[in-house]
Amino acid sequence: MTRAAKITYFAALLIGFSIGAFFEFQTVAPMLKAYYDARQETAPMAFSRFSYLQYSYADDAHAQAARRVSTSLRPVVMEFSEYFHLS
């Protein structure tokens, strides 16, 4: 295969991938938004569930500490996700 043919095929490949990626992203964008919204909502729930499971069999003092940890972690999780553009 000649050098001109290789360059032509490579250029066609790049153009094809670029156009395909652009139009596919347009169709997938709403699903990605739903995924990111769900992820933002489920992170605090995961921490809450973890605290519940950790201290469900503990005495009252430990259960109160778990509730305080769960509520104090929510702003940290939201700030973390905003800082790293996870939301």
C-alpha atoms as a PDB file:
ATOM      1  CA  MET A   1       0.000   0.000   0.000  1.00  0.00           C
ATOM      2  CA  THR A   2       1.377   3.382  -0.922  1.00  0.00           C
ATOM      3  CA  ARG A   3       1.971   6.203   1.492  1.00  0.00           C
ATOM      4  CA  ALA A   4      -0.789   8.316  -0.109  1.00  0.00           C
ATOM      5  CA  ALA A   5      -3.302   5.512   0.369  1.00  0.00           C
ATOM      6  CA  LYS A   6      -2.313   5.117   4.028  1.00  0.00           C
ATOM      7  CA  ILE A   7      -2.784   8.846   4.630  1.00  0.00           C
ATOM      8  CA  THR A   8      -6.137   8.826   2.824  1.00  0.00           C
ATOM      9  CA  TYR A   9      -7.414   5.844   4.810  1.00  0.00           C
ATOM     10  CA  PHE A  10      -6.193   7.311   8.074  1.00  0.00           C
ATOM     11  CA  ALA A  11      -7.892  10.653   7.334  1.00  0.00           C
ATOM     12  CA  ALA A  12     -11.130   8.834   6.461  1.00  0.00           C
ATOM     13  CA  LEU A  13     -10.860   6.873   9.693  1.00  0.00           C
ATOM     14  CA  LEU A  14     -10.442  10.033  11.773  1.00  0.00           C
ATOM     15  CA  ILE A  15     -13.319  11.788  10.042  1.00  0.00           C
ATOM     16  CA  GLY A  16     -15.563   8.754  10.453  1.00  0.00           C
ATOM     17  CA  PHE A  17     -14.770   8.359  14.142  1.00  0.00           C
ATOM     18  CA  SER A  18     -15.245  12.069  14.760  1.00  0.00           C
ATOM     19  CA  ILE A  19     -18.636  12.229  13.089  1.00  0.00           C
ATOM     20  CA  GLY A  20     -19.772   8.962  14.676  1.00  0.00           C
ATOM     21  CA  ALA A  21     -18.677  10.031  18.144  1.00  0.00           C
ATOM     22  CA  PHE A  22     -20.423  13.389  17.807  1.00  0.00           C
ATOM     23  CA  PHE A  23     -23.771  11.962  16.744  1.00  0.00           C
ATOM     24  CA  GLU A  24     -23.624   9.053  19.193  1.00  0.00           C
ATOM     25  CA  PHE A  25     -22.869  11.448  22.050  1.00  0.00           C
ATOM     26  CA  GLN A  26     -25.955  13.463  21.100  1.00  0.00           C
ATOM     27  CA  THR A  27     -28.137  10.377  21.514  1.00  0.00           C
ATOM     28  CA  VAL A  28     -26.478   9.160  24.716  1.00  0.00           C
ATOM     29  CA  ALA A  29     -26.253  12.540  26.513  1.00  0.00           C
ATOM     30  CA  PRO A  30     -29.679  12.289  28.241  1.00  0.00           C
ATOM     31  CA  MET A  31     -28.786   8.865  29.636  1.00  0.00           C
ATOM     32  CA  LEU A  32     -25.462  10.185  30.936  1.00  0.00           C
ATOM     33  CA  LYS A  33     -27.214  13.079  32.681  1.00  0.00           C
ATOM     34  CA  ALA A  34     -29.594  10.664  34.385  1.00  0.00           C
ATOM     35  CA  TYR A  35     -26.632   8.542  35.477  1.00  0.00           C
ATOM     36  CA  TYR A  36     -24.778  11.498  36.992  1.00  0.00           C
ATOM     37  CA  ASP A  37     -27.921  12.763  38.748  1.00  0.00           C
ATOM     38  CA  ALA A  38     -28.541   9.331  40.236  1.00  0.00           C
ATOM     39  CA  ARG A  39     -24.928   9.066  41.363  1.00  0.00           C
ATOM     40  CA  GLN A  40     -25.173  12.372  43.189  1.00  0.00           C
ATOM     41  CA  GLU A  41     -28.255  11.175  45.041  1.00  0.00           C
ATOM     42  CA  THR A  42     -26.990   7.699  45.908  1.00  0.00           C
ATOM     43  CA  ALA A  43     -23.665   8.676  47.525  1.00  0.00           C
ATOM     44  CA  PRO A  44     -25.246  10.129  50.689  1.00  0.00           C
ATOM     45  CA  MET A  45     -27.618   7.168  50.849  1.00  0.00           C
ATOM     46  CA  ALA A  46     -24.664   4.787  50.717  1.00  0.00           C
ATOM     47  CA  PHE A  47     -22.992   6.538  53.642  1.00  0.00           C
ATOM     48  CA  SER A  48     -26.248   6.519  55.560  1.00  0.00           C
ATOM     49  CA  ARG A  49     -26.765   2.813  54.892  1.00  0.00           C
ATOM     50  CA  PHE A  50     -23.166   2.061  55.898  1.00  0.00           C
ATOM     51  CA  SER A  51     -23.616   3.903  59.199  1.00  0.00           C
ATOM     52  CA  TYR A  52     -26.847   2.048  59.829  1.00  0.00           C
ATOM     53  CA  LEU A  53     -25.276  -1.347  59.174  1.00  0.00           C
ATOM     54  CA  GLN A  54     -22.202  -0.577  61.249  1.00  0.00           C
ATOM     55  CA  TYR A  55     -24.111   0.496  64.325  1.00  0.00           C
ATOM     56  CA  SER A  56     -27.445  -1.307  64.073  1.00  0.00           C
ATOM     57  CA  TYR A  57     -26.479  -3.744  66.816  1.00  0.00           C
ATOM     58  CA  ALA A  58     -24.687  -1.188  68.991  1.00  0.00           C
ATOM     59  CA  ASP A  59     -25.961   0.582  72.073  1.00  0.00           C
ATOM     60  CA  ASP A  60     -27.672   3.989  72.013  1.00  0.00           C
ATOM     61  CA  ALA A  61     -24.478   6.032  72.350  1.00  0.00           C
ATOM     62  CA  HIS A  62     -22.936   4.362  69.337  1.00  0.00           C
ATOM     63  CA  ALA A  63     -26.159   4.710  67.347  1.00  0.00           C
ATOM     64  CA  GLN A  64     -26.251   8.452  68.043  1.00  0.00           C
ATOM     65  CA  ALA A  65     -22.605   8.739  66.980  1.00  0.00           C
ATOM     66  CA  ALA A  66     -23.450   6.948  63.734  1.00  0.00           C
ATOM     67  CA  ARG A  67     -26.272   9.384  63.015  1.00  0.00           C
ATOM     68  CA  ARG A  68     -23.964  12.335  63.643  1.00  0.00           C
ATOM     69  CA  VAL A  69     -21.333  10.858  61.305  1.00  0.00           C
ATOM     70  CA  SER A  70     -23.914  10.217  58.606  1.00  0.00           C
ATOM     71  CA  THR A  71     -25.305  13.743  58.695  1.00  0.00           C
ATOM     72  CA  SER A  72     -21.881  15.355  58.948  1.00  0.00           C
ATOM     73  CA  LEU A  73     -20.572  13.439  55.906  1.00  0.00           C
ATOM     74  CA  ARG A  74     -23.298  14.604  53.521  1.00  0.00           C
ATOM     75  CA  PRO A  75     -21.860  18.117  52.981  1.00  0.00           C
ATOM     76  CA  VAL A  76     -18.380  16.630  52.604  1.00  0.00           C
ATOM     77  CA  VAL A  77     -19.571  14.190  49.957  1.00  0.00           C
ATOM     78  CA  MET A  78     -21.375  16.930  48.043  1.00  0.00           C
ATOM     79  CA  GLU A  79     -18.350  19.233  48.215  1.00  0.00           C
ATOM     80  CA  PHE A  80     -16.086  16.381  47.063  1.00  0.00           C
ATOM     81  CA  SER A  81     -18.326  15.593  44.111  1.00  0.00           C
ATOM     82  CA  GLU A  82     -18.528  19.259  43.114  1.00  0.00           C
ATOM     83  CA  TYR A  83     -14.781  19.764  43.454  1.00  0.00           C
ATOM     84  CA  PHE A  84     -13.984  16.812  41.211  1.00  0.00           C
ATOM     85  CA  HIS A  85     -16.911  17.589  38.877  1.00  0.00           C
ATOM     86  CA  LEU A  86     -18.628  14.308  39.652  1.00  0.00           C
ATOM     87  CA  SER A  87     -22.065  15.844  39.600  1.00  0.00           C
END
